Amino acid sequence: MNSDFDTSQMQLKMYLDEQPTIPYKTLNYLIAEVNYGGRVTDDKDVRLITALLLSYLNPEVMKGDYKFTTSGVYHQPNDLSLESVK
């Protein structure tokens, strides 16, 4: 739902703006378990949401050669500057 996405986006911004380091575990828990997982009734679906989010929200993403898929088709931008990512 849009409200889940909006809430997750606001939490992400808040934590990134207010914390000295990126709290990956906290963000993963809030987004996967609380925001989205709270609406999902099947425990397997919650596990899937958690696994998918971990692919995108982890410290390895900040390294220069992170691939989102094993094929390497989906990867981070070469230029990680804010303007380039936008």
PDB file of N, CA and C in Angstrom:
ATOM      1  N   MET A   1       0.840  -1.175   0.000  1.00  0.00           N
ATOM      2  CA  MET A   1       0.000   0.000   0.000  1.00  0.00           C
ATOM      3  C   MET A   1       0.889   1.244   0.000  1.00  0.00           C
ATOM      4  N   ASN A   2       0.343   2.312  -0.529  1.00  0.00           N
ATOM      5  CA  ASN A   2       1.090   3.563  -0.563  1.00  0.00           C
ATOM      6  C   ASN A   2       1.446   4.050   0.833  1.00  0.00           C
ATOM      7  N   SER A   3       0.550   3.845   1.783  1.00  0.00           N
ATOM      8  CA  SER A   3       0.828   4.315   3.144  1.00  0.00           C
ATOM      9  C   SER A   3       2.026   3.575   3.752  1.00  0.00           C
ATOM     10  N   ASP A   4       2.178   2.297   3.457  1.00  0.00           N
ATOM     11  CA  ASP A   4       3.340   1.542   3.944  1.00  0.00           C
ATOM     12  C   ASP A   4       4.622   2.096   3.329  1.00  0.00           C
ATOM     13  N   PHE A   5       4.585   2.360   2.048  1.00  0.00           N
ATOM     14  CA  PHE A   5       5.748   2.911   1.356  1.00  0.00           C
ATOM     15  C   PHE A   5       6.085   4.296   1.901  1.00  0.00           C
ATOM     16  N   ASP A   6       5.078   5.149   2.073  1.00  0.00           N
ATOM     17  CA  ASP A   6       5.306   6.500   2.584  1.00  0.00           C
ATOM     18  C   ASP A   6       5.903   6.473   3.984  1.00  0.00           C
ATOM     19  N   THR A   7       5.368   5.616   4.834  1.00  0.00           N
ATOM     20  CA  THR A   7       5.885   5.482   6.192  1.00  0.00           C
ATOM     21  C   THR A   7       7.331   4.998   6.172  1.00  0.00           C
ATOM     22  N   SER A   8       7.619   4.010   5.345  1.00  0.00           N
ATOM     23  CA  SER A   8       8.985   3.480   5.239  1.00  0.00           C
ATOM     24  C   SER A   8       9.946   4.548   4.742  1.00  0.00           C
ATOM     25  N   GLN A   9       9.508   5.319   3.789  1.00  0.00           N
ATOM     26  CA  GLN A   9      10.339   6.377   3.229  1.00  0.00           C
ATOM     27  C   GLN A   9      10.634   7.448   4.294  1.00  0.00           C
ATOM     28  N   MET A  10       9.632   7.830   5.066  1.00  0.00           N
ATOM     29  CA  MET A  10       9.832   8.826   6.126  1.00  0.00           C
ATOM     30  C   MET A  10      10.770   8.302   7.212  1.00  0.00           C
ATOM     31  N   GLN A  11      10.599   7.028   7.588  1.00  0.00           N
ATOM     32  CA  GLN A  11      11.479   6.443   8.596  1.00  0.00           C
ATOM     33  C   GLN A  11      12.922   6.379   8.094  1.00  0.00           C
ATOM     34  N   LEU A  12      13.098   5.977   6.855  1.00  0.00           N
ATOM     35  CA  LEU A  12      14.427   5.908   6.275  1.00  0.00           C
ATOM     36  C   LEU A  12      15.098   7.275   6.320  1.00  0.00           C
ATOM     37  N   LYS A  13      14.399   8.298   5.883  1.00  0.00           N
ATOM     38  CA  LYS A  13      14.945   9.654   5.902  1.00  0.00           C
ATOM     39  C   LYS A  13      15.297  10.078   7.320  1.00  0.00           C
ATOM     40  N   MET A  14      14.400   9.832   8.259  1.00  0.00           N
ATOM     41  CA  MET A  14      14.630  10.219   9.647  1.00  0.00           C
ATOM     42  C   MET A  14      15.891   9.550  10.203  1.00  0.00           C
ATOM     43  N   TYR A  15      16.008   8.245  10.005  1.00  0.00           N
ATOM     44  CA  TYR A  15      17.168   7.525  10.532  1.00  0.00           C
ATOM     45  C   TYR A  15      18.459   7.956   9.847  1.00  0.00           C
ATOM     46  N   LEU A  16      18.417   8.202   8.555  1.00  0.00           N
ATOM     47  CA  LEU A  16      19.625   8.635   7.851  1.00  0.00           C
ATOM     48  C   LEU A  16      20.030  10.040   8.268  1.00  0.00           C
ATOM     49  N   ASP A  17      19.067  10.898   8.529  1.00  0.00           N
ATOM     50  CA  ASP A  17      19.364  12.274   8.931  1.00  0.00           C
ATOM     51  C   ASP A  17      19.826  12.380  10.379  1.00  0.00           C
ATOM     52  N   GLU A  18      19.335  11.500  11.247  1.00  0.00           N
ATOM     53  CA  GLU A  18      19.555  11.670  12.683  1.00  0.00           C
ATOM     54  C   GLU A  18      20.570  10.714  13.311  1.00  0.00           C
ATOM     55  N   GLN A  19      21.021   9.712  12.584  1.00  0.00           N
ATOM     56  CA  GLN A  19      21.962   8.748  13.141  1.00  0.00           C
ATOM     57  C   GLN A  19      23.353   8.959  12.537  1.00  0.00           C
ATOM     58  N   PRO A  20      24.401   8.763  13.331  1.00  0.00           N
ATOM     59  CA  PRO A  20      25.762   8.923  12.797  1.00  0.00           C
ATOM     60  C   PRO A  20      26.145   7.809  11.814  1.00  0.00           C
ATOM     61  N   THR A  21      25.540   6.643  11.974  1.00  0.00           N
ATOM     62  CA  THR A  21      25.776   5.533  11.049  1.00  0.00           C
ATOM     63  C   THR A  21      24.414   5.014  10.578  1.00  0.00           C
ATOM     64  N   ILE A  22      24.423   4.250   9.518  1.00  0.00           N
ATOM     65  CA  ILE A  22      23.168   3.701   8.991  1.00  0.00           C
ATOM     66  C   ILE A  22      22.783   2.466   9.812  1.00  0.00           C
ATOM     67  N   PRO A  23      21.631   2.507  10.491  1.00  0.00           N
ATOM     68  CA  PRO A  23      21.196   1.372  11.305  1.00  0.00           C
ATOM     69  C   PRO A  23      20.461   0.327  10.451  1.00  0.00           C
ATOM     70  N   TYR A  24      21.224  -0.455   9.713  1.00  0.00           N
ATOM     71  CA  TYR A  24      20.634  -1.404   8.757  1.00  0.00           C
ATOM     72  C   TYR A  24      19.668  -2.382   9.420  1.00  0.00           C
ATOM     73  N   LYS A  25      20.066  -2.958  10.554  1.00  0.00           N
ATOM     74  CA  LYS A  25      19.189  -3.938  11.221  1.00  0.00           C
ATOM     75  C   LYS A  25      17.863  -3.302  11.626  1.00  0.00           C
ATOM     76  N   THR A  26      17.946  -2.113  12.188  1.00  0.00           N
ATOM     77  CA  THR A  26      16.736  -1.419  12.626  1.00  0.00           C
ATOM     78  C   THR A  26      15.838  -1.104  11.448  1.00  0.00           C
ATOM     79  N   LEU A  27      16.409  -0.568  10.387  1.00  0.00           N
ATOM     80  CA  LEU A  27      15.618  -0.221   9.209  1.00  0.00           C
ATOM     81  C   LEU A  27      14.990  -1.451   8.572  1.00  0.00           C
ATOM     82  N   ASN A  28      15.753  -2.522   8.468  1.00  0.00           N
ATOM     83  CA  ASN A  28      15.200  -3.756   7.904  1.00  0.00           C
ATOM     84  C   ASN A  28      14.033  -4.264   8.742  1.00  0.00           C
ATOM     85  N   TYR A  29      14.192  -4.238  10.055  1.00  0.00           N
ATOM     86  CA  TYR A  29      13.128  -4.709  10.934  1.00  0.00           C
ATOM     87  C   TYR A  29      11.879  -3.832  10.800  1.00  0.00           C
ATOM     88  N   LEU A  30      12.065  -2.523  10.893  1.00  0.00           N
ATOM     89  CA  LEU A  30      10.919  -1.613  10.806  1.00  0.00           C
ATOM     90  C   LEU A  30      10.159  -1.774   9.501  1.00  0.00           C
ATOM     91  N   ILE A  31      10.892  -1.794   8.405  1.00  0.00           N
ATOM     92  CA  ILE A  31      10.232  -1.835   7.106  1.00  0.00           C
ATOM     93  C   ILE A  31       9.627  -3.214   6.819  1.00  0.00           C
ATOM     94  N   ALA A  32      10.419  -4.260   6.995  1.00  0.00           N
ATOM     95  CA  ALA A  32       9.947  -5.607   6.635  1.00  0.00           C
ATOM     96  C   ALA A  32       8.949  -6.173   7.639  1.00  0.00           C
ATOM     97  N   GLU A  33       9.253  -6.055   8.907  1.00  0.00           N
ATOM     98  CA  GLU A  33       8.416  -6.701   9.930  1.00  0.00           C
ATOM     99  C   GLU A  33       7.247  -5.834  10.395  1.00  0.00           C
ATOM    100  N   VAL A  34       7.497  -4.547  10.581  1.00  0.00           N
ATOM    101  CA  VAL A  34       6.461  -3.683  11.149  1.00  0.00           C
ATOM    102  C   VAL A  34       5.585  -3.079  10.055  1.00  0.00           C
ATOM    103  N   ASN A  35       6.207  -2.344   9.139  1.00  0.00           N
ATOM    104  CA  ASN A  35       5.410  -1.623   8.138  1.00  0.00           C
ATOM    105  C   ASN A  35       4.696  -2.553   7.171  1.00  0.00           C
ATOM    106  N   TYR A  36       5.428  -3.484   6.585  1.00  0.00           N
ATOM    107  CA  TYR A  36       4.810  -4.392   5.611  1.00  0.00           C
ATOM    108  C   TYR A  36       4.365  -5.700   6.268  1.00  0.00           C
ATOM    109  N   GLY A  37       5.196  -6.243   7.129  1.00  0.00           N
ATOM    110  CA  GLY A  37       4.893  -7.529   7.757  1.00  0.00           C
ATOM    111  C   GLY A  37       3.657  -7.505   8.619  1.00  0.00           C
ATOM    112  N   GLY A  38       3.308  -6.345   9.140  1.00  0.00           N
ATOM    113  CA  GLY A  38       2.110  -6.228   9.968  1.00  0.00           C
ATOM    114  C   GLY A  38       0.830  -6.495   9.192  1.00  0.00           C
ATOM    115  N   ARG A  39       0.890  -6.362   7.883  1.00  0.00           N
ATOM    116  CA  ARG A  39      -0.301  -6.583   7.048  1.00  0.00           C
ATOM    117  C   ARG A  39      -0.319  -7.986   6.438  1.00  0.00           C
ATOM    118  N   VAL A  40       0.797  -8.659   6.499  1.00  0.00           N
ATOM    119  CA  VAL A  40       0.916  -9.970   5.865  1.00  0.00           C
ATOM    120  C   VAL A  40       0.592 -11.040   6.893  1.00  0.00           C
ATOM    121  N   THR A  41      -0.286 -11.952   6.546  1.00  0.00           N
ATOM    122  CA  THR A  41      -0.714 -12.966   7.507  1.00  0.00           C
ATOM    123  C   THR A  41       0.076 -14.267   7.392  1.00  0.00           C
ATOM    124  N   ASP A  42       0.681 -14.521   6.261  1.00  0.00           N
ATOM    125  CA  ASP A  42       1.436 -15.756   6.046  1.00  0.00           C
ATOM    126  C   ASP A  42       2.894 -15.536   6.459  1.00  0.00           C
ATOM    127  N   ASP A  43       3.400 -16.366   7.374  1.00  0.00           N
ATOM    128  CA  ASP A  43       4.774 -16.190   7.860  1.00  0.00           C
ATOM    129  C   ASP A  43       5.813 -16.383   6.753  1.00  0.00           C
ATOM    130  N   LYS A  44       5.483 -17.157   5.743  1.00  0.00           N
ATOM    131  CA  LYS A  44       6.409 -17.338   4.599  1.00  0.00           C
ATOM    132  C   LYS A  44       6.531 -16.048   3.796  1.00  0.00           C
ATOM    133  N   ASP A  45       5.427 -15.313   3.678  1.00  0.00           N
ATOM    134  CA  ASP A  45       5.460 -14.039   2.966  1.00  0.00           C
ATOM    135  C   ASP A  45       6.295 -13.009   3.723  1.00  0.00           C
ATOM    136  N   VAL A  46       6.206 -13.028   5.040  1.00  0.00           N
ATOM    137  CA  VAL A  46       7.032 -12.119   5.846  1.00  0.00           C
ATOM    138  C   VAL A  46       8.508 -12.458   5.637  1.00  0.00           C
ATOM    139  N   ARG A  47       8.825 -13.733   5.596  1.00  0.00           N
ATOM    140  CA  ARG A  47      10.219 -14.147   5.340  1.00  0.00           C
ATOM    141  C   ARG A  47      10.680 -13.680   3.970  1.00  0.00           C
ATOM    142  N   LEU A  48       9.801 -13.758   2.976  1.00  0.00           N
ATOM    143  CA  LEU A  48      10.141 -13.302   1.629  1.00  0.00           C
ATOM    144  C   LEU A  48      10.392 -11.796   1.606  1.00  0.00           C
ATOM    145  N   ILE A  49       9.507 -11.026   2.242  1.00  0.00           N
ATOM    146  CA  ILE A  49       9.686  -9.572   2.310  1.00  0.00           C
ATOM    147  C   ILE A  49      11.023  -9.238   2.965  1.00  0.00           C
ATOM    148  N   THR A  50      11.333  -9.919   4.049  1.00  0.00           N
ATOM    149  CA  THR A  50      12.588  -9.679   4.766  1.00  0.00           C
ATOM    150  C   THR A  50      13.786 -10.002   3.884  1.00  0.00           C
ATOM    151  N   ALA A  51      13.750 -11.122   3.198  1.00  0.00           N
ATOM    152  CA  ALA A  51      14.862 -11.526   2.328  1.00  0.00           C
ATOM    153  C   ALA A  51      15.048 -10.544   1.170  1.00  0.00           C
ATOM    154  N   LEU A  52      13.960 -10.121   0.568  1.00  0.00           N
ATOM    155  CA  LEU A  52      14.047  -9.167  -0.540  1.00  0.00           C
ATOM    156  C   LEU A  52      14.627  -7.829  -0.073  1.00  0.00           C
ATOM    157  N   LEU A  53      14.166  -7.356   1.057  1.00  0.00           N
ATOM    158  CA  LEU A  53      14.650  -6.077   1.569  1.00  0.00           C
ATOM    159  C   LEU A  53      16.132  -6.142   1.915  1.00  0.00           C
ATOM    160  N   LEU A  54      16.577  -7.268   2.448  1.00  0.00           N
ATOM    161  CA  LEU A  54      17.997  -7.420   2.786  1.00  0.00           C
ATOM    162  C   LEU A  54      18.898  -7.320   1.548  1.00  0.00           C
ATOM    163  N   SER A  55      18.360  -7.641   0.387  1.00  0.00           N
ATOM    164  CA  SER A  55      19.138  -7.507  -0.841  1.00  0.00           C
ATOM    165  C   SER A  55      19.414  -6.054  -1.178  1.00  0.00           C
ATOM    166  N   TYR A  56      18.561  -5.170  -0.727  1.00  0.00           N
ATOM    167  CA  TYR A  56      18.673  -3.753  -1.069  1.00  0.00           C
ATOM    168  C   TYR A  56      19.175  -2.885   0.074  1.00  0.00           C
ATOM    169  N   LEU A  57      18.923  -3.293   1.294  1.00  0.00           N
ATOM    170  CA  LEU A  57      19.238  -2.462   2.444  1.00  0.00           C
ATOM    171  C   LEU A  57      20.282  -3.173   3.304  1.00  0.00           C
ATOM    172  N   ASN A  58      21.543  -3.071   2.859  1.00  0.00           N
ATOM    173  CA  ASN A  58      22.650  -3.686   3.577  1.00  0.00           C
ATOM    174  C   ASN A  58      23.925  -2.900   3.287  1.00  0.00           C
ATOM    175  N   PRO A  59      24.935  -3.015   4.119  1.00  0.00           N
ATOM    176  CA  PRO A  59      26.154  -2.212   3.950  1.00  0.00           C
ATOM    177  C   PRO A  59      26.905  -2.488   2.652  1.00  0.00           C
ATOM    178  N   GLU A  60      26.748  -3.654   2.078  1.00  0.00           N
ATOM    179  CA  GLU A  60      27.455  -3.995   0.840  1.00  0.00           C
ATOM    180  C   GLU A  60      27.026  -3.110  -0.334  1.00  0.00           C
ATOM    181  N   VAL A  61      25.810  -2.577  -0.261  1.00  0.00           N
ATOM    182  CA  VAL A  61      25.298  -1.727  -1.331  1.00  0.00           C
ATOM    183  C   VAL A  61      26.175  -0.490  -1.514  1.00  0.00           C
ATOM    184  N   MET A  62      26.813  -0.058  -0.449  1.00  0.00           N
ATOM    185  CA  MET A  62      27.633   1.149  -0.508  1.00  0.00           C
ATOM    186  C   MET A  62      29.008   0.908  -1.116  1.00  0.00           C
ATOM    187  N   LYS A  63      29.322  -0.325  -1.415  1.00  0.00           N
ATOM    188  CA  LYS A  63      30.592  -0.637  -2.061  1.00  0.00           C
ATOM    189  C   LYS A  63      30.437  -0.480  -3.568  1.00  0.00           C
ATOM    190  N   GLY A  64      31.522  -0.313  -4.266  1.00  0.00           N
ATOM    191  CA  GLY A  64      31.478   0.027  -5.678  1.00  0.00           C
ATOM    192  C   GLY A  64      31.034  -1.047  -6.642  1.00  0.00           C
ATOM    193  N   ASP A  65      30.951  -2.288  -6.218  1.00  0.00           N
ATOM    194  CA  ASP A  65      30.649  -3.345  -7.187  1.00  0.00           C
ATOM    195  C   ASP A  65      29.476  -4.232  -6.765  1.00  0.00           C
ATOM    196  N   TYR A  66      28.543  -3.693  -6.010  1.00  0.00           N
ATOM    197  CA  TYR A  66      27.426  -4.496  -5.513  1.00  0.00           C
ATOM    198  C   TYR A  66      26.453  -4.829  -6.637  1.00  0.00           C
ATOM    199  N   LYS A  67      26.032  -6.076  -6.682  1.00  0.00           N
ATOM    200  CA  LYS A  67      25.045  -6.549  -7.652  1.00  0.00           C
ATOM    201  C   LYS A  67      23.788  -6.958  -6.894  1.00  0.00           C
ATOM    202  N   PHE A  68      22.644  -6.503  -7.363  1.00  0.00           N
ATOM    203  CA  PHE A  68      21.374  -6.848  -6.721  1.00  0.00           C
ATOM    204  C   PHE A  68      20.891  -8.235  -7.115  1.00  0.00           C
ATOM    205  N   THR A  69      21.442  -8.773  -8.208  1.00  0.00           N
ATOM    206  CA  THR A  69      21.081 -10.114  -8.663  1.00  0.00           C
ATOM    207  C   THR A  69      22.355 -10.890  -8.963  1.00  0.00           C
ATOM    208  N   THR A  70      22.272 -12.191  -8.918  1.00  0.00           N
ATOM    209  CA  THR A  70      23.451 -13.011  -9.210  1.00  0.00           C
ATOM    210  C   THR A  70      23.882 -12.875 -10.660  1.00  0.00           C
ATOM    211  N   SER A  71      22.960 -12.544 -11.549  1.00  0.00           N
ATOM    212  CA  SER A  71      23.313 -12.366 -12.964  1.00  0.00           C
ATOM    213  C   SER A  71      24.109 -11.084 -13.187  1.00  0.00           C
ATOM    214  N   GLY A  72      23.991 -10.141 -12.258  1.00  0.00           N
ATOM    215  CA  GLY A  72      24.690  -8.877 -12.409  1.00  0.00           C
ATOM    216  C   GLY A  72      23.962  -7.873 -13.280  1.00  0.00           C
ATOM    217  N   VAL A  73      22.799  -8.265 -13.800  1.00  0.00           N
ATOM    218  CA  VAL A  73      22.027  -7.362 -14.655  1.00  0.00           C
ATOM    219  C   VAL A  73      21.597  -6.126 -13.865  1.00  0.00           C
ATOM    220  N   TYR A  74      21.181  -6.344 -12.634  1.00  0.00           N
ATOM    221  CA  TYR A  74      20.749  -5.239 -11.785  1.00  0.00           C
ATOM    222  C   TYR A  74      21.863  -4.919 -10.807  1.00  0.00           C
ATOM    223  N   HIS A  75      22.369  -3.714 -10.905  1.00  0.00           N
ATOM    224  CA  HIS A  75      23.483  -3.296 -10.064  1.00  0.00           C
ATOM    225  C   HIS A  75      23.323  -1.828  -9.716  1.00  0.00           C
ATOM    226  N   GLN A  76      24.119  -1.377  -8.774  1.00  0.00           N
ATOM    227  CA  GLN A  76      24.059   0.022  -8.374  1.00  0.00           C
ATOM    228  C   GLN A  76      24.644   0.899  -9.480  1.00  0.00           C
ATOM    229  N   PRO A  77      24.299   2.170  -9.476  1.00  0.00           N
ATOM    230  CA  PRO A  77      24.880   3.070 -10.469  1.00  0.00           C
ATOM    231  C   PRO A  77      26.398   3.170 -10.287  1.00  0.00           C
ATOM    232  N   ASN A  78      27.098   3.419 -11.375  1.00  0.00           N
ATOM    233  CA  ASN A  78      28.548   3.577 -11.274  1.00  0.00           C
ATOM    234  C   ASN A  78      28.924   4.823 -10.495  1.00  0.00           C
ATOM    235  N   ASP A  79      28.177   5.894 -10.675  1.00  0.00           N
ATOM    236  CA  ASP A  79      28.420   7.147  -9.965  1.00  0.00           C
ATOM    237  C   ASP A  79      27.413   7.236  -8.824  1.00  0.00           C
ATOM    238  N   LEU A  80      27.890   7.175  -7.584  1.00  0.00           N
ATOM    239  CA  LEU A  80      26.994   7.176  -6.427  1.00  0.00           C
ATOM    240  C   LEU A  80      26.713   8.575  -5.884  1.00  0.00           C
ATOM    241  N   SER A  81      27.071   9.606  -6.622  1.00  0.00           N
ATOM    242  CA  SER A  81      26.760  10.955  -6.153  1.00  0.00           C
ATOM    243  C   SER A  81      25.246  11.134  -6.154  1.00  0.00           C
ATOM    244  N   LEU A  82      24.758  11.988  -5.288  1.00  0.00           N
ATOM    245  CA  LEU A  82      23.322  12.202  -5.150  1.00  0.00           C
ATOM    246  C   LEU A  82      22.705  12.630  -6.473  1.00  0.00           C
ATOM    247  N   GLU A  83      23.335  13.532  -7.171  1.00  0.00           N
ATOM    248  CA  GLU A  83      22.788  14.014  -8.434  1.00  0.00           C
ATOM    249  C   GLU A  83      22.701  12.897  -9.476  1.00  0.00           C
ATOM    250  N   SER A  84      23.715  12.053  -9.545  1.00  0.00           N
ATOM    251  CA  SER A  84      23.710  10.965 -10.513  1.00  0.00           C
ATOM    252  C   SER A  84      22.630   9.936 -10.187  1.00  0.00           C
ATOM    253  N   VAL A  85      22.483   9.604  -8.922  1.00  0.00           N
ATOM    254  CA  VAL A  85      21.478   8.614  -8.519  1.00  0.00           C
ATOM    255  C   VAL A  85      20.067   9.137  -8.785  1.00  0.00           C
ATOM    256  N   LYS A  86      19.858  10.434  -8.541  1.00  0.00           N
ATOM    257  CA  LYS A  86      18.545  11.022  -8.833  1.00  0.00           C
ATOM    258  C   LYS A  86      18.236  10.884 -10.312  1.00  0.00           C
TER     259      LYS A  86
END
